[in-house]
Amino acid sequence: MTIACFGELMLRLSPSQPGETLRHTHQLKMEFAGAESNVATGLSALGNSVRFLSKFPNNTIGDAAIASLQGYGIDCSHIIRGGDRLGTYFIELGHSLRPSKVVYDRAHSAISESSCNDFDWPYLLQGCRYLHLSGITPALSDTCVDVTLDAAKSAQRLGLTVSFDMNFRRSLWQDSTRAGEIFTQLLKTADIAFGNAGVMADVFNQTYDNLAPEAAAAQAARDLSDTYGLIAATTCRQSHSASQNTLSGFIANRNETFRSQTIRVDILDRLGTGDAFASACLDGIIKNKPLKDTVNFANAAFALAHAVYGDPHLSSREDIQAIADGQTGGYILR
């Protein structure tokens, strides 16, 4: 069973030394990452067959990006080549009182200037059972709106299970109302959705101000499931500082809502952690595991991803399960 993930892969540049700022560093570490590729990587690390779909420039940077994904065991044979550049982002990791900062340089990327004519979905999705999308891709350009909607509707017609992560990036959308219109269309094609109480407020003006954070996350999952008739999974992040958060997750189907255990984490790098939650959650759904076990496993992956540098989450099933089983003391394994 193959899971296809469609979206933009970017070049990630960050100070080579932890704690350095972009203003003062003289060396940058080069990696490749993106919301959808992070999910692909997490799924592959858990032993799933994964195909990545996108458009990369036909140059050395595009070649390096493909090699990076192939190094994680991801099928890149259906990636479209063309366009001028790969999107780039700079990340400065926060600590304690200093927040993390992200600077995007992704205008005119190959995928943002792609069109529906670039993607033959029946061919690209041949042999796949799942398609994973996010709300970031349609934010890149008007043509990316068309491409993402076409992907979702084509997958639905082909009988694939569609998952949609409502990643909302304020810096990429000029109008949250427009985002809400597009997200609604994508949610109507989806069988699985990911989000949180914050995106419900930002995109749908659905606030939970009278609820505690975990209750708000649970209600967001319930509302998504009831409104769109799908499985909905949400995360709850209670921030104590840039270095310490408390995490939990929720998953709802048409009948019940399940809550994970709560885990307090010290943070090395929080980028890509929501993608780790999504990939572990999808893994459980694909394997027909009980939803209670699935959300506990997904929250453990969510937590563990905070303890490693870089967007991709490569922890093994055994390492994630140990956290889900309560082994959070950080003792040396000998």
Protein backbone atom coordinates (compact mmCIF):
# COMPACT_ATOMS: atom_id res chain seq x y z
CA MET A 1 0.00 0.00 0.00
CA THR A 2 1.54 3.30 -1.11
CA ILE A 3 0.84 6.74 0.36
CA ALA A 4 1.40 9.73 -1.92
CA CYS A 5 2.29 13.11 -0.42
CA PHE A 6 1.96 16.21 -2.61
CA GLY A 7 3.48 19.60 -1.85
CA GLU A 8 6.51 21.84 -1.89
CA LEU A 9 9.93 20.73 -0.73
CA MET A 10 12.17 23.61 0.30
CA LEU A 11 15.80 24.23 1.01
CA ARG A 12 16.16 24.83 4.76
CA LEU A 13 19.09 27.01 5.87
CA SER A 14 19.87 27.43 9.56
CA PRO A 15 22.86 28.56 11.65
CA SER A 16 25.27 25.67 11.92
CA GLN A 17 25.63 26.11 15.67
CA PRO A 18 22.55 25.74 17.90
CA GLY A 19 21.66 29.02 19.55
CA GLU A 20 23.23 31.21 16.86
CA THR A 21 21.09 33.89 15.24
CA LEU A 22 20.77 34.55 11.54
CA ARG A 23 22.06 38.05 12.09
CA HIS A 24 25.37 36.88 13.55
CA THR A 25 26.11 33.46 12.07
CA HIS A 26 28.79 32.96 9.39
CA GLN A 27 27.84 29.40 8.45
CA LEU A 28 24.49 27.93 7.43
CA LYS A 29 23.49 24.28 7.52
CA MET A 30 21.71 23.08 4.37
CA GLU A 31 18.81 20.61 4.53
CA PHE A 32 15.58 19.93 2.64
CA ALA A 33 12.15 19.98 4.25
CA GLY A 34 8.50 20.90 3.90
CA ALA A 35 5.25 20.01 5.62
CA GLU A 36 4.23 17.31 3.15
CA SER A 37 7.73 15.91 2.75
CA ASN A 38 8.04 15.75 6.55
CA VAL A 39 4.93 13.57 6.64
CA ALA A 40 6.38 11.44 3.84
CA THR A 41 9.62 11.01 5.77
CA GLY A 42 7.84 10.09 8.99
CA LEU A 43 5.68 7.52 7.22
CA SER A 44 8.71 6.00 5.48
CA ALA A 45 10.61 5.78 8.77
CA LEU A 46 7.70 3.73 10.11
CA GLY A 47 8.05 1.26 7.25
CA ASN A 48 5.37 2.53 4.88
CA SER A 49 5.69 2.73 1.10
CA VAL A 50 5.68 6.44 0.26
CA ARG A 51 5.71 8.42 -3.00
CA PHE A 52 6.45 12.14 -3.09
CA LEU A 53 4.79 14.29 -5.74
CA SER A 54 5.90 17.81 -6.58
CA LYS A 55 7.67 19.94 -9.17
CA PHE A 56 11.42 20.54 -8.77
CA PRO A 57 13.75 22.62 -10.93
CA ASN A 58 15.85 20.62 -13.34
CA ASN A 59 19.16 21.71 -11.83
CA THR A 60 21.68 20.62 -9.21
CA ILE A 61 19.56 21.84 -6.29
CA GLY A 62 16.61 19.87 -7.62
CA ASP A 63 18.85 16.81 -7.95
CA ALA A 64 20.06 17.25 -4.36
CA ALA A 65 16.48 17.55 -3.12
CA ILE A 66 15.54 14.28 -4.81
CA ALA A 67 18.62 12.56 -3.43
CA SER A 68 17.66 13.75 0.05
CA LEU A 69 14.19 12.19 -0.18
CA GLN A 70 15.54 9.01 -1.75
CA GLY A 71 17.90 8.72 1.20
CA TYR A 72 14.81 8.30 3.39
CA GLY A 73 13.46 5.52 1.16
CA ILE A 74 10.86 7.70 -0.58
CA ASP A 75 9.83 7.04 -4.19
CA CYS A 76 10.69 10.15 -6.25
CA SER A 77 10.13 8.65 -9.69
CA HIS A 78 6.98 10.71 -10.32
CA ILE A 79 8.35 14.15 -9.40
CA ILE A 80 7.87 16.64 -12.26
CA ARG A 81 11.00 18.54 -13.33
CA GLY A 82 10.89 22.14 -14.51
CA GLY A 83 10.72 25.74 -13.31
CA ASP A 84 13.50 28.01 -12.13
CA ARG A 85 14.09 27.43 -8.43
CA LEU A 86 13.36 25.56 -5.25
CA GLY A 87 11.76 27.56 -2.44
CA THR A 88 14.04 28.43 0.48
CA TYR A 89 13.49 29.26 4.12
CA PHE A 90 15.80 30.37 6.90
CA ILE A 91 15.20 29.17 10.46
CA GLU A 92 16.65 30.66 13.64
CA LEU A 93 15.93 28.33 16.56
CA GLY A 94 14.67 30.02 19.70
CA HIS A 95 15.57 29.28 23.28
CA SER A 96 13.98 30.22 26.60
CA LEU A 97 12.60 33.78 26.15
CA ARG A 98 13.79 34.09 22.52
CA PRO A 99 11.26 32.70 20.01
CA SER A 100 12.17 30.80 16.87
CA LYS A 101 12.03 32.83 13.66
CA VAL A 102 11.35 31.74 10.08
CA VAL A 103 12.08 33.82 6.98
CA TYR A 104 10.62 32.55 3.70
CA ASP A 105 12.18 33.05 0.26
CA ARG A 106 9.85 30.96 -1.85
CA ALA A 107 8.39 33.35 -4.44
CA HIS A 108 8.57 32.03 -8.04
CA SER A 109 9.41 28.50 -6.90
CA ALA A 110 8.87 25.73 -9.42
CA ILE A 111 5.73 24.42 -7.78
CA SER A 112 4.22 27.88 -7.20
CA GLU A 113 4.38 28.50 -10.95
CA SER A 114 3.09 25.06 -11.92
CA SER A 115 -0.31 24.46 -13.51
CA CYS A 116 -2.87 21.67 -13.69
CA ASN A 117 -1.40 20.67 -17.06
CA ASP A 118 1.79 19.60 -15.26
CA PHE A 119 0.07 16.87 -13.26
CA ASP A 120 -1.56 13.77 -14.75
CA TRP A 121 -3.16 12.55 -11.54
CA PRO A 122 -4.40 9.13 -12.71
CA TYR A 123 -0.82 8.35 -13.74
CA LEU A 124 0.86 9.98 -10.73
CA LEU A 125 -1.43 8.24 -8.23
CA GLN A 126 -1.34 4.84 -9.92
CA GLY A 127 -0.75 2.16 -7.29
CA CYS A 128 -1.49 4.52 -4.38
CA ARG A 129 -4.21 4.08 -1.75
CA TYR A 130 -3.78 7.39 0.11
CA LEU A 131 -3.07 11.00 -0.82
CA HIS A 132 -1.86 13.50 1.76
CA LEU A 133 -2.22 17.26 1.18
CA SER A 134 -1.76 20.39 3.27
CA GLY A 135 -3.08 23.93 3.38
CA ILE A 136 0.34 25.33 2.56
CA THR A 137 0.40 24.39 -1.12
CA PRO A 138 -2.75 26.32 -2.13
CA ALA A 139 -1.35 29.37 -0.34
CA LEU A 140 1.58 29.58 -2.77
CA SER A 141 -0.32 30.91 -5.81
CA ASP A 142 -3.69 30.96 -7.54
CA THR A 143 -2.54 28.17 -9.82
CA CYS A 144 -1.54 26.10 -6.79
CA VAL A 145 -5.12 26.44 -5.54
CA ASP A 146 -6.30 24.85 -8.79
CA VAL A 147 -3.62 22.16 -8.70
CA THR A 148 -4.34 21.18 -5.08
CA LEU A 149 -8.10 21.03 -5.61
CA ASP A 150 -7.56 19.01 -8.79
CA ALA A 151 -5.34 16.57 -6.88
CA ALA A 152 -7.91 16.12 -4.12
CA LYS A 153 -10.86 15.66 -6.48
CA SER A 154 -8.90 13.30 -8.74
CA ALA A 155 -7.88 11.17 -5.76
CA GLN A 156 -11.48 11.09 -4.58
CA ARG A 157 -12.68 9.94 -8.03
CA LEU A 158 -9.96 7.28 -8.09
CA GLY A 159 -11.15 5.91 -4.75
CA LEU A 160 -8.13 6.98 -2.68
CA THR A 161 -8.37 7.99 0.95
CA VAL A 162 -7.53 11.70 1.18
CA SER A 163 -5.94 13.31 4.23
CA PHE A 164 -5.70 17.08 4.62
CA ASP A 165 -3.61 18.98 7.15
CA MET A 166 -4.97 22.50 7.62
CA ASN A 167 -1.54 24.06 7.98
CA PHE A 168 -2.29 27.81 7.94
CA ARG A 169 0.60 30.21 7.38
CA ARG A 170 -0.48 33.83 7.95
CA SER A 171 2.49 35.16 5.99
CA LEU A 172 1.39 33.27 2.86
CA TRP A 173 -2.30 34.23 2.84
CA GLN A 174 -3.43 37.79 2.16
CA ASP A 175 -6.97 36.93 3.22
CA SER A 176 -7.98 34.30 5.77
CA THR A 177 -11.50 34.32 4.32
CA ARG A 178 -10.07 33.05 1.04
CA ALA A 179 -8.19 30.36 2.95
CA GLY A 180 -11.45 29.32 4.62
CA GLU A 181 -13.21 28.95 1.27
CA ILE A 182 -10.44 26.74 -0.13
CA PHE A 183 -10.01 24.72 3.06
CA THR A 184 -13.75 24.02 3.06
CA GLN A 185 -13.55 22.60 -0.45
CA LEU A 186 -10.57 20.43 0.51
CA LEU A 187 -12.23 19.21 3.70
CA LYS A 188 -15.25 18.11 1.65
CA THR A 189 -12.99 15.80 -0.35
CA ALA A 190 -11.07 14.54 2.70
CA ASP A 191 -11.51 11.42 4.79
CA ILE A 192 -8.96 12.48 7.42
CA ALA A 193 -8.17 16.00 8.67
CA PHE A 194 -5.51 17.47 10.94
CA GLY A 195 -5.62 20.81 12.72
CA ASN A 196 -5.86 22.60 16.05
CA ALA A 197 -8.03 25.15 17.80
CA GLY A 198 -5.85 27.98 16.49
CA VAL A 199 -6.43 27.21 12.82
CA MET A 200 -10.17 26.91 13.46
CA ALA A 201 -10.10 30.45 14.83
CA ASP A 202 -7.81 31.84 12.12
CA VAL A 203 -9.58 30.31 9.14
CA PHE A 204 -13.17 29.66 10.23
CA ASN A 205 -13.60 32.23 13.03
CA GLN A 206 -14.50 29.36 15.32
CA THR A 207 -13.21 30.31 18.76
CA TYR A 208 -13.16 28.34 21.98
CA ASP A 209 -12.32 31.19 24.36
CA ASN A 210 -14.47 29.78 27.15
CA LEU A 211 -12.63 26.45 27.14
CA ALA A 212 -9.30 25.32 28.60
CA PRO A 213 -6.65 24.52 25.94
CA GLU A 214 -7.16 20.76 25.93
CA ALA A 215 -10.94 21.09 25.94
CA ALA A 216 -10.65 23.48 22.99
CA ALA A 217 -8.52 20.99 21.04
CA ALA A 218 -10.99 18.20 21.78
CA GLN A 219 -13.91 20.36 20.65
CA ALA A 220 -12.06 21.34 17.46
CA ALA A 221 -11.64 17.67 16.59
CA ARG A 222 -15.29 17.03 17.37
CA ASP A 223 -16.46 19.98 15.26
CA LEU A 224 -14.37 18.95 12.25
CA SER A 225 -15.57 15.36 12.42
CA ASP A 226 -19.22 16.33 12.83
CA THR A 227 -19.15 19.00 10.12
CA TYR A 228 -17.36 17.05 7.41
CA GLY A 229 -18.03 13.42 8.37
CA LEU A 230 -14.36 12.45 8.64
CA ILE A 231 -11.72 11.35 11.13
CA ALA A 232 -10.25 14.50 12.68
CA ALA A 233 -7.05 14.72 14.73
CA THR A 234 -5.93 17.83 16.59
CA THR A 235 -2.95 18.80 18.68
CA CYS A 236 -2.78 20.92 21.81
CA ARG A 237 0.40 22.84 22.59
CA GLN A 238 0.63 24.68 25.91
CA SER A 239 3.70 26.91 25.71
CA HIS A 240 5.64 27.67 28.89
CA SER A 241 8.57 29.19 26.97
CA ALA A 242 10.36 28.76 23.64
CA SER A 243 12.18 25.86 25.30
CA GLN A 244 9.37 24.02 27.06
CA ASN A 245 5.86 22.96 26.04
CA THR A 246 3.19 20.55 27.23
CA LEU A 247 1.65 18.47 24.44
CA SER A 248 -1.44 16.37 23.92
CA GLY A 249 -3.50 15.09 21.01
CA PHE A 250 -7.11 14.25 20.21
CA ILE A 251 -8.82 12.18 17.54
CA ALA A 252 -12.52 12.01 16.74
CA ASN A 253 -14.69 9.90 14.48
CA ARG A 254 -18.43 10.13 14.06
CA ASN A 255 -19.06 8.40 17.37
CA GLU A 256 -16.27 9.14 19.85
CA THR A 257 -13.38 11.45 20.76
CA PHE A 258 -10.16 10.05 22.19
CA ARG A 259 -7.50 11.94 24.17
CA SER A 260 -3.80 11.07 24.38
CA GLN A 261 -1.62 11.21 27.43
CA THR A 262 -0.02 14.60 28.23
CA ILE A 263 3.75 14.96 27.74
CA ARG A 264 5.95 17.87 28.85
CA VAL A 265 8.97 18.42 26.58
CA ASP A 266 12.13 20.48 26.46
CA ILE A 267 12.61 21.73 22.90
CA LEU A 268 15.61 21.47 20.61
CA ASP A 269 13.74 22.20 17.36
CA ARG A 270 9.95 22.47 17.04
CA LEU A 271 9.69 22.78 13.25
CA GLY A 272 8.09 19.74 11.68
CA THR A 273 6.71 18.40 14.96
CA GLY A 274 3.08 18.69 13.86
CA ASP A 275 4.03 16.74 10.75
CA ALA A 276 5.44 14.00 12.99
CA PHE A 277 2.04 13.85 14.71
CA ALA A 278 0.27 13.60 11.35
CA SER A 279 2.55 10.89 9.96
CA ALA A 280 2.26 8.72 13.08
CA CYS A 281 -1.50 9.23 13.14
CA LEU A 282 -1.80 8.22 9.48
CA ASP A 283 0.33 5.16 10.19
CA GLY A 284 -2.14 4.02 12.84
CA ILE A 285 -5.17 4.67 10.62
CA ILE A 286 -3.57 2.84 7.68
CA LYS A 287 -2.87 -0.14 9.92
CA ASN A 288 -6.44 -0.07 11.37
CA LYS A 289 -5.21 0.37 14.92
CA PRO A 290 -7.69 1.48 17.62
CA LEU A 291 -8.02 5.27 17.60
CA LYS A 292 -7.06 5.49 21.28
CA ASP A 293 -3.76 3.73 20.56
CA THR A 294 -3.28 5.78 17.40
CA VAL A 295 -3.55 9.15 19.14
CA ASN A 296 -1.25 8.06 21.97
CA PHE A 297 1.35 6.92 19.44
CA ALA A 298 0.94 10.11 17.39
CA ASN A 299 1.36 12.33 20.45
CA ALA A 300 4.48 10.40 21.43
CA ALA A 301 5.91 11.05 17.94
CA PHE A 302 4.86 14.71 18.27
CA ALA A 303 6.77 14.95 21.56
CA LEU A 304 9.83 13.02 20.44
CA ALA A 305 10.23 15.20 17.34
CA HIS A 306 10.90 18.19 19.63
CA ALA A 307 14.02 16.43 20.91
CA VAL A 308 15.87 16.20 17.58
CA TYR A 309 17.22 18.84 15.21
CA GLY A 310 15.75 19.24 11.74
CA ASP A 311 12.27 19.00 10.25
CA PRO A 312 12.18 15.31 9.23
CA HIS A 313 11.30 12.90 12.02
CA LEU A 314 13.20 9.64 11.70
CA SER A 315 12.53 7.96 15.05
CA SER A 316 11.79 4.26 14.88
CA ARG A 317 8.49 2.68 15.79
CA GLU A 318 10.14 1.19 18.87
CA ASP A 319 11.45 4.56 20.07
CA ILE A 320 8.06 6.23 19.61
CA GLN A 321 6.20 3.37 21.27
CA ALA A 322 8.52 3.59 24.28
CA ILE A 323 7.46 7.21 24.78
CA ALA A 324 3.80 6.25 24.29
CA ASP A 325 4.28 3.60 26.98
CA GLY A 326 5.47 6.26 29.43
CA GLN A 327 9.25 5.92 29.17
CA THR A 328 9.87 9.69 29.31
CA GLY A 329 12.61 9.80 31.96
CA GLY A 330 15.43 10.08 29.43
CA TYR A 331 17.51 7.35 31.03
CA ILE A 332 20.59 6.08 29.19
CA LEU A 333 19.91 2.93 27.20
CA ARG A 334 22.81 0.49 27.57
